[in-house]
Amino acid sequence: MKILFILLLFISISFSSAQIQPLTEPWAPYQIENKDGLSGISIDLVKEIQKRLGNKKEIKVFPWKRAYNITLRKKGYALFLTSKSKERENLFKWIGPIASVKIRFFKNASRKDLNIKTLEDAKKVNSIIVEGDTVTVDVLKSLGFNNLDLNTLSNNRLNKLLENKTDLMPTDEVTFIYNLKQKGLDKKVVPVEMEAFFESKLYIAFNKETSDDIINDWKSVFEEIKADGTYDKILERY
């Protein structure tokens, strides 16, 4: 009887883990959406976790705010990738970190006059264009920056940098360099000498009502993927 109970419990946990619906947003090179389907670092990782758990749910791609709100409000959903801020920490259950975002300043390659080696150097430039309502703005303001040009349009920010209408642009190093290479602009826009000034870890966030058994299932498989070298192989693809 005890063996039967354990077997039924295992089946129940596995079934539940297999029913989790993963959600994400387009964000290369982590989540790439194209005519051939979905790919990217975190896409490949989540698909591998799903495969090992027997989860056949198709990953759904939504705008960030919609995916976030669905996961926040509905049991059975998981969102990737997202940072675990103090405000969010108790709103979800978490697995990770899966990756990290490093924020670094970039400049127009023609600006030989901009030798940015420290934060104090960056504070002296005329204009730093940055996406509004982001953690980057909060970090820079907390560091005493008062030369920020807040702008919500990604292409507009890049164009201003290309046209020398702004001096610096802080953004995620991995994502930005990937996108520059895709557009053939990696020789025209380059990182400054100073390394990243802020790093944020990225996680898979589950609806708070998700059982601890399911979280442990996903967490165990993720650790297994890291231990057997599969995670490193995924990183090497991109």
C-alpha atoms as a PDB file:
ATOM      1  CA  MET A   1       0.000   0.000   0.000  1.00  0.00           C
ATOM      2  CA  LYS A   2       2.848   2.349   0.887  1.00  0.00           C
ATOM      3  CA  ILE A   3       4.590   1.643  -2.429  1.00  0.00           C
ATOM      4  CA  LEU A   4       1.342   2.329  -4.319  1.00  0.00           C
ATOM      5  CA  PHE A   5       0.910   5.649  -2.480  1.00  0.00           C
ATOM      6  CA  ILE A   6       4.470   6.727  -3.342  1.00  0.00           C
ATOM      7  CA  LEU A   7       3.938   5.716  -6.987  1.00  0.00           C
ATOM      8  CA  LEU A   8       0.682   7.680  -7.215  1.00  0.00           C
ATOM      9  CA  LEU A   9       2.332  10.685  -5.572  1.00  0.00           C
ATOM     10  CA  PHE A  10       5.196  10.570  -8.082  1.00  0.00           C
ATOM     11  CA  ILE A  11       2.765  10.367 -11.008  1.00  0.00           C
ATOM     12  CA  SER A  12       0.785  13.307  -9.606  1.00  0.00           C
ATOM     13  CA  ILE A  13       3.886  15.484  -9.229  1.00  0.00           C
ATOM     14  CA  SER A  14       5.189  14.586 -12.686  1.00  0.00           C
ATOM     15  CA  PHE A  15       1.796  15.253 -14.265  1.00  0.00           C
ATOM     16  CA  SER A  16       1.569  18.650 -12.590  1.00  0.00           C
ATOM     17  CA  SER A  17       5.085  19.617 -13.645  1.00  0.00           C
ATOM     18  CA  ALA A  18       4.223  18.611 -17.194  1.00  0.00           C
ATOM     19  CA  GLN A  19       1.235  20.969 -17.197  1.00  0.00           C
ATOM     20  CA  ILE A  20       3.125  24.192 -16.460  1.00  0.00           C
ATOM     21  CA  GLN A  21       2.634  26.683 -19.314  1.00  0.00           C
ATOM     22  CA  PRO A  22       5.842  28.657 -20.043  1.00  0.00           C
ATOM     23  CA  LEU A  23       5.504  32.271 -21.223  1.00  0.00           C
ATOM     24  CA  THR A  24       8.167  34.610 -22.553  1.00  0.00           C
ATOM     25  CA  GLU A  25       8.804  37.764 -24.604  1.00  0.00           C
ATOM     26  CA  PRO A  26      10.984  38.403 -27.689  1.00  0.00           C
ATOM     27  CA  TRP A  27      14.475  39.296 -26.406  1.00  0.00           C
ATOM     28  CA  ALA A  28      17.452  38.155 -28.485  1.00  0.00           C
ATOM     29  CA  PRO A  29      19.695  36.277 -27.964  1.00  0.00           C
ATOM     30  CA  TYR A  30      17.777  34.788 -25.032  1.00  0.00           C
ATOM     31  CA  GLN A  31      14.422  34.500 -26.791  1.00  0.00           C
ATOM     32  CA  ILE A  32      14.451  34.750 -30.598  1.00  0.00           C
ATOM     33  CA  GLU A  33      11.208  34.621 -32.570  1.00  0.00           C
ATOM     34  CA  ASN A  34      11.363  34.117 -36.343  1.00  0.00           C
ATOM     35  CA  LYS A  35       9.594  32.331 -39.212  1.00  0.00           C
ATOM     36  CA  ASP A  36      11.230  29.039 -38.219  1.00  0.00           C
ATOM     37  CA  GLY A  37       9.883  29.211 -34.665  1.00  0.00           C
ATOM     38  CA  LEU A  38      11.552  29.964 -31.349  1.00  0.00           C
ATOM     39  CA  SER A  39      15.211  29.693 -30.424  1.00  0.00           C
ATOM     40  CA  GLY A  40      17.693  31.355 -28.100  1.00  0.00           C
ATOM     41  CA  ILE A  41      19.597  30.622 -24.911  1.00  0.00           C
ATOM     42  CA  SER A  42      16.663  30.526 -22.503  1.00  0.00           C
ATOM     43  CA  ILE A  43      14.259  29.034 -25.084  1.00  0.00           C
ATOM     44  CA  ASP A  44      16.585  26.067 -25.634  1.00  0.00           C
ATOM     45  CA  LEU A  45      17.065  25.680 -21.885  1.00  0.00           C
ATOM     46  CA  VAL A  46      13.348  25.707 -21.060  1.00  0.00           C
ATOM     47  CA  LYS A  47      12.636  23.284 -23.918  1.00  0.00           C
ATOM     48  CA  GLU A  48      15.262  20.915 -22.498  1.00  0.00           C
ATOM     49  CA  ILE A  49      13.678  21.133 -19.039  1.00  0.00           C
ATOM     50  CA  GLN A  50      10.265  20.471 -20.589  1.00  0.00           C
ATOM     51  CA  LYS A  51      11.572  17.466 -22.507  1.00  0.00           C
ATOM     52  CA  ARG A  52      13.039  15.881 -19.392  1.00  0.00           C
ATOM     53  CA  LEU A  53       9.838  16.504 -17.423  1.00  0.00           C
ATOM     54  CA  GLY A  54       7.537  15.297 -20.186  1.00  0.00           C
ATOM     55  CA  ASN A  55       6.044  18.783 -20.540  1.00  0.00           C
ATOM     56  CA  LYS A  56       4.717  19.191 -24.093  1.00  0.00           C
ATOM     57  CA  LYS A  57       3.280  22.686 -23.685  1.00  0.00           C
ATOM     58  CA  GLU A  58       4.229  25.037 -26.512  1.00  0.00           C
ATOM     59  CA  ILE A  59       6.071  28.118 -25.246  1.00  0.00           C
ATOM     60  CA  LYS A  60       3.881  31.176 -25.792  1.00  0.00           C
ATOM     61  CA  VAL A  61       5.329  34.580 -26.670  1.00  0.00           C
ATOM     62  CA  PHE A  62       3.586  37.736 -25.471  1.00  0.00           C
ATOM     63  CA  PRO A  63       4.547  41.352 -24.839  1.00  0.00           C
ATOM     64  CA  TRP A  64       6.356  41.569 -21.501  1.00  0.00           C
ATOM     65  CA  LYS A  65       3.567  43.234 -19.505  1.00  0.00           C
ATOM     66  CA  ARG A  66       0.923  40.723 -20.619  1.00  0.00           C
ATOM     67  CA  ALA A  67       3.131  37.693 -19.913  1.00  0.00           C
ATOM     68  CA  TYR A  68       4.030  39.120 -16.500  1.00  0.00           C
ATOM     69  CA  ASN A  69       0.406  39.766 -15.523  1.00  0.00           C
ATOM     70  CA  ILE A  70      -0.793  36.326 -16.664  1.00  0.00           C
ATOM     71  CA  THR A  71       1.894  34.604 -14.586  1.00  0.00           C
ATOM     72  CA  LEU A  72       1.179  36.847 -11.619  1.00  0.00           C
ATOM     73  CA  ARG A  73      -2.557  36.106 -11.626  1.00  0.00           C
ATOM     74  CA  LYS A  74      -2.989  32.569 -12.988  1.00  0.00           C
ATOM     75  CA  LYS A  75      -1.882  29.292 -11.457  1.00  0.00           C
ATOM     76  CA  GLY A  76      -0.038  26.946 -13.810  1.00  0.00           C
ATOM     77  CA  TYR A  77       2.058  29.584 -15.586  1.00  0.00           C
ATOM     78  CA  ALA A  78       5.785  30.338 -15.586  1.00  0.00           C
ATOM     79  CA  LEU A  79       7.562  33.392 -17.010  1.00  0.00           C
ATOM     80  CA  PHE A  80      11.121  33.667 -18.294  1.00  0.00           C
ATOM     81  CA  LEU A  81      13.431  35.514 -18.092  1.00  0.00           C
ATOM     82  CA  THR A  82      12.875  38.040 -15.322  1.00  0.00           C
ATOM     83  CA  SER A  83      14.854  39.711 -12.570  1.00  0.00           C
ATOM     84  CA  LYS A  84      14.057  39.035  -8.913  1.00  0.00           C
ATOM     85  CA  SER A  85      13.763  42.498  -7.398  1.00  0.00           C
ATOM     86  CA  LYS A  86      12.729  43.181  -3.803  1.00  0.00           C
ATOM     87  CA  GLU A  87       9.312  44.248  -5.079  1.00  0.00           C
ATOM     88  CA  ARG A  88       8.810  41.013  -7.036  1.00  0.00           C
ATOM     89  CA  GLU A  89      10.494  38.498  -4.753  1.00  0.00           C
ATOM     90  CA  ASN A  90       7.384  37.520  -2.773  1.00  0.00           C
ATOM     91  CA  LEU A  91       5.024  37.689  -5.754  1.00  0.00           C
ATOM     92  CA  PHE A  92       6.378  34.549  -7.449  1.00  0.00           C
ATOM     93  CA  LYS A  93       8.322  31.348  -6.853  1.00  0.00           C
ATOM     94  CA  TRP A  94      11.720  31.243  -8.520  1.00  0.00           C
ATOM     95  CA  ILE A  95      14.223  28.996 -10.291  1.00  0.00           C
ATOM     96  CA  GLY A  96      17.689  30.179 -11.188  1.00  0.00           C
ATOM     97  CA  PRO A  97      19.552  32.291 -11.796  1.00  0.00           C
ATOM     98  CA  ILE A  98      19.389  31.194 -15.432  1.00  0.00           C
ATOM     99  CA  ALA A  99      21.495  34.044 -16.820  1.00  0.00           C
ATOM    100  CA  SER A 100      22.534  37.573 -15.953  1.00  0.00           C
ATOM    101  CA  VAL A 101      22.249  41.002 -17.526  1.00  0.00           C
ATOM    102  CA  LYS A 102      25.279  43.285 -17.377  1.00  0.00           C
ATOM    103  CA  ILE A 103      24.628  46.960 -18.077  1.00  0.00           C
ATOM    104  CA  ARG A 104      27.466  48.787 -19.802  1.00  0.00           C
ATOM    105  CA  PHE A 105      27.929  52.142 -21.538  1.00  0.00           C
ATOM    106  CA  PHE A 106      28.223  52.225 -25.345  1.00  0.00           C
ATOM    107  CA  LYS A 107      29.349  55.081 -27.595  1.00  0.00           C
ATOM    108  CA  ASN A 108      29.668  55.992 -31.261  1.00  0.00           C
ATOM    109  CA  ALA A 109      32.983  54.514 -32.446  1.00  0.00           C
ATOM    110  CA  SER A 110      33.904  57.863 -34.025  1.00  0.00           C
ATOM    111  CA  ARG A 111      33.932  59.576 -30.615  1.00  0.00           C
ATOM    112  CA  LYS A 112      37.638  59.241 -29.868  1.00  0.00           C
ATOM    113  CA  ASP A 113      37.255  62.107 -27.396  1.00  0.00           C
ATOM    114  CA  LEU A 114      35.146  59.991 -25.046  1.00  0.00           C
ATOM    115  CA  ASN A 115      37.485  58.050 -22.774  1.00  0.00           C
ATOM    116  CA  ILE A 116      35.132  56.602 -20.192  1.00  0.00           C
ATOM    117  CA  LYS A 117      37.065  54.672 -17.575  1.00  0.00           C
ATOM    118  CA  THR A 118      35.009  55.463 -14.469  1.00  0.00           C
ATOM    119  CA  LEU A 119      31.499  56.458 -13.447  1.00  0.00           C
ATOM    120  CA  GLU A 120      32.815  59.949 -12.741  1.00  0.00           C
ATOM    121  CA  ASP A 121      33.938  60.199 -16.377  1.00  0.00           C
ATOM    122  CA  ALA A 122      30.418  59.244 -17.499  1.00  0.00           C
ATOM    123  CA  LYS A 123      28.855  61.876 -15.242  1.00  0.00           C
ATOM    124  CA  LYS A 124      30.784  64.596 -17.095  1.00  0.00           C
ATOM    125  CA  VAL A 125      29.345  63.958 -20.583  1.00  0.00           C
ATOM    126  CA  ASN A 126      26.512  66.137 -21.856  1.00  0.00           C
ATOM    127  CA  SER A 127      23.907  63.470 -22.519  1.00  0.00           C
ATOM    128  CA  ILE A 128      23.264  59.808 -21.701  1.00  0.00           C
ATOM    129  CA  ILE A 129      20.272  58.356 -23.517  1.00  0.00           C
ATOM    130  CA  VAL A 130      18.525  55.607 -21.566  1.00  0.00           C
ATOM    131  CA  GLU A 131      15.254  53.712 -21.697  1.00  0.00           C
ATOM    132  CA  GLY A 132      12.766  55.319 -19.334  1.00  0.00           C
ATOM    133  CA  ASP A 133      11.064  53.493 -16.452  1.00  0.00           C
ATOM    134  CA  THR A 134      13.770  50.843 -16.107  1.00  0.00           C
ATOM    135  CA  VAL A 135      16.061  49.608 -13.364  1.00  0.00           C
ATOM    136  CA  THR A 136      18.959  51.205 -15.271  1.00  0.00           C
ATOM    137  CA  VAL A 137      17.463  54.655 -14.709  1.00  0.00           C
ATOM    138  CA  ASP A 138      17.009  53.914 -11.009  1.00  0.00           C
ATOM    139  CA  VAL A 139      20.601  52.699 -10.683  1.00  0.00           C
ATOM    140  CA  LEU A 140      22.085  55.709 -12.485  1.00  0.00           C
ATOM    141  CA  LYS A 141      20.015  58.168 -10.464  1.00  0.00           C
ATOM    142  CA  SER A 142      21.086  56.459  -7.243  1.00  0.00           C
ATOM    143  CA  LEU A 143      24.699  56.893  -8.373  1.00  0.00           C
ATOM    144  CA  GLY A 144      24.190  60.641  -8.773  1.00  0.00           C
ATOM    145  CA  PHE A 145      23.720  60.987 -12.548  1.00  0.00           C
ATOM    146  CA  ASN A 146      21.784  64.082 -13.646  1.00  0.00           C
ATOM    147  CA  ASN A 147      22.585  64.038 -17.386  1.00  0.00           C
ATOM    148  CA  LEU A 148      20.030  61.394 -18.415  1.00  0.00           C
ATOM    149  CA  ASP A 149      17.897  61.685 -21.554  1.00  0.00           C
ATOM    150  CA  LEU A 150      14.944  59.335 -20.979  1.00  0.00           C
ATOM    151  CA  ASN A 151      13.610  57.730 -24.154  1.00  0.00           C
ATOM    152  CA  THR A 152      11.264  54.763 -24.582  1.00  0.00           C
ATOM    153  CA  LEU A 153      11.944  53.949 -28.261  1.00  0.00           C
ATOM    154  CA  SER A 154      14.792  51.483 -28.866  1.00  0.00           C
ATOM    155  CA  ASN A 155      15.463  52.480 -32.487  1.00  0.00           C
ATOM    156  CA  ASN A 156      15.340  56.154 -31.560  1.00  0.00           C
ATOM    157  CA  ARG A 157      17.975  55.663 -28.868  1.00  0.00           C
ATOM    158  CA  LEU A 158      20.287  53.829 -31.244  1.00  0.00           C
ATOM    159  CA  ASN A 159      19.787  56.393 -34.011  1.00  0.00           C
ATOM    160  CA  LYS A 160      20.669  59.236 -31.665  1.00  0.00           C
ATOM    161  CA  LEU A 161      23.884  57.432 -30.779  1.00  0.00           C
ATOM    162  CA  LEU A 162      24.701  56.801 -34.451  1.00  0.00           C
ATOM    163  CA  GLU A 163      24.015  60.457 -35.303  1.00  0.00           C
ATOM    164  CA  ASN A 164      26.083  61.735 -32.344  1.00  0.00           C
ATOM    165  CA  LYS A 165      23.037  63.423 -30.849  1.00  0.00           C
ATOM    166  CA  THR A 166      23.873  61.816 -27.517  1.00  0.00           C
ATOM    167  CA  ASP A 167      27.148  60.774 -25.918  1.00  0.00           C
ATOM    168  CA  LEU A 168      26.502  57.460 -24.208  1.00  0.00           C
ATOM    169  CA  MET A 169      23.902  54.720 -24.072  1.00  0.00           C
ATOM    170  CA  PRO A 170      23.751  52.220 -21.182  1.00  0.00           C
ATOM    171  CA  THR A 171      22.236  48.856 -22.056  1.00  0.00           C
ATOM    172  CA  ASP A 172      22.520  45.085 -21.635  1.00  0.00           C
ATOM    173  CA  GLU A 173      25.911  44.123 -23.045  1.00  0.00           C
ATOM    174  CA  VAL A 174      25.041  40.665 -24.435  1.00  0.00           C
ATOM    175  CA  THR A 175      21.730  41.642 -26.045  1.00  0.00           C
ATOM    176  CA  PHE A 176      22.993  44.903 -27.526  1.00  0.00           C
ATOM    177  CA  ILE A 177      26.167  43.447 -29.042  1.00  0.00           C
ATOM    178  CA  TYR A 178      24.115  40.594 -30.537  1.00  0.00           C
ATOM    179  CA  ASN A 179      21.659  43.057 -32.113  1.00  0.00           C
ATOM    180  CA  LEU A 180      24.467  45.304 -33.390  1.00  0.00           C
ATOM    181  CA  LYS A 181      26.051  42.333 -35.159  1.00  0.00           C
ATOM    182  CA  GLN A 182      22.702  41.365 -36.675  1.00  0.00           C
ATOM    183  CA  LYS A 183      22.384  44.902 -38.090  1.00  0.00           C
ATOM    184  CA  GLY A 184      26.028  45.164 -39.175  1.00  0.00           C
ATOM    185  CA  LEU A 185      26.630  48.047 -36.767  1.00  0.00           C
ATOM    186  CA  ASP A 186      29.125  46.453 -34.383  1.00  0.00           C
ATOM    187  CA  LYS A 187      31.982  48.553 -35.834  1.00  0.00           C
ATOM    188  CA  LYS A 188      30.026  51.808 -35.557  1.00  0.00           C
ATOM    189  CA  VAL A 189      28.855  51.442 -31.956  1.00  0.00           C
ATOM    190  CA  VAL A 190      31.275  50.081 -29.360  1.00  0.00           C
ATOM    191  CA  PRO A 191      31.468  49.599 -25.583  1.00  0.00           C
ATOM    192  CA  VAL A 192      33.467  52.130 -23.601  1.00  0.00           C
ATOM    193  CA  GLU A 193      36.616  51.092 -21.779  1.00  0.00           C
ATOM    194  CA  MET A 194      34.840  50.879 -18.419  1.00  0.00           C
ATOM    195  CA  GLU A 195      33.333  47.479 -17.651  1.00  0.00           C
ATOM    196  CA  ALA A 196      29.687  46.895 -16.719  1.00  0.00           C
ATOM    197  CA  PHE A 197      28.507  49.032 -13.799  1.00  0.00           C
ATOM    198  CA  PHE A 198      25.450  46.952 -12.885  1.00  0.00           C
ATOM    199  CA  GLU A 199      24.503  43.267 -13.026  1.00  0.00           C
ATOM    200  CA  SER A 200      21.085  41.702 -12.570  1.00  0.00           C
ATOM    201  CA  LYS A 201      20.421  37.966 -12.292  1.00  0.00           C
ATOM    202  CA  LEU A 202      17.626  36.487 -14.414  1.00  0.00           C
ATOM    203  CA  TYR A 203      15.237  33.720 -13.367  1.00  0.00           C
ATOM    204  CA  ILE A 204      12.191  31.658 -14.287  1.00  0.00           C
ATOM    205  CA  ALA A 205       9.264  33.001 -12.241  1.00  0.00           C
ATOM    206  CA  PHE A 206       6.300  30.745 -11.384  1.00  0.00           C
ATOM    207  CA  ASN A 207       2.857  31.768 -10.186  1.00  0.00           C
ATOM    208  CA  LYS A 208       2.989  31.927  -6.392  1.00  0.00           C
ATOM    209  CA  GLU A 209       0.354  29.194  -5.992  1.00  0.00           C
ATOM    210  CA  THR A 210       2.589  26.668  -7.773  1.00  0.00           C
ATOM    211  CA  SER A 211       3.282  23.757  -5.426  1.00  0.00           C
ATOM    212  CA  ASP A 212       6.752  23.340  -3.953  1.00  0.00           C
ATOM    213  CA  ASP A 213       6.840  19.840  -5.467  1.00  0.00           C
ATOM    214  CA  ILE A 214       6.576  21.318  -8.963  1.00  0.00           C
ATOM    215  CA  ILE A 215       9.206  23.959  -8.202  1.00  0.00           C
ATOM    216  CA  ASN A 216      11.524  21.229  -6.920  1.00  0.00           C
ATOM    217  CA  ASP A 217      10.884  19.150 -10.068  1.00  0.00           C
ATOM    218  CA  TRP A 218      11.899  22.025 -12.345  1.00  0.00           C
ATOM    219  CA  LYS A 219      14.788  23.041 -10.111  1.00  0.00           C
ATOM    220  CA  SER A 220      16.196  19.496  -9.965  1.00  0.00           C
ATOM    221  CA  VAL A 221      16.097  19.137 -13.744  1.00  0.00           C
ATOM    222  CA  PHE A 222      17.734  22.549 -14.216  1.00  0.00           C
ATOM    223  CA  GLU A 223      20.563  21.546 -11.861  1.00  0.00           C
ATOM    224  CA  GLU A 224      20.897  18.256 -13.752  1.00  0.00           C
ATOM    225  CA  ILE A 225      21.196  20.146 -17.056  1.00  0.00           C
ATOM    226  CA  LYS A 226      23.974  22.307 -15.624  1.00  0.00           C
ATOM    227  CA  ALA A 227      25.779  19.321 -14.113  1.00  0.00           C
ATOM    228  CA  ASP A 228      25.793  17.162 -17.259  1.00  0.00           C
ATOM    229  CA  GLY A 229      27.166  19.932 -19.512  1.00  0.00           C
ATOM    230  CA  THR A 230      23.983  20.564 -21.514  1.00  0.00           C
ATOM    231  CA  TYR A 231      23.711  24.144 -20.247  1.00  0.00           C
ATOM    232  CA  ASP A 232      27.226  24.998 -21.451  1.00  0.00           C
ATOM    233  CA  LYS A 233      26.461  23.491 -24.865  1.00  0.00           C
ATOM    234  CA  ILE A 234      23.378  25.715 -25.152  1.00  0.00           C
ATOM    235  CA  LEU A 235      25.452  28.814 -24.355  1.00  0.00           C
ATOM    236  CA  GLU A 236      28.005  27.841 -27.015  1.00  0.00           C
ATOM    237  CA  ARG A 237      25.317  27.927 -29.738  1.00  0.00           C
ATOM    238  CA  TYR A 238      24.898  31.670 -29.318  1.00  0.00           C
END
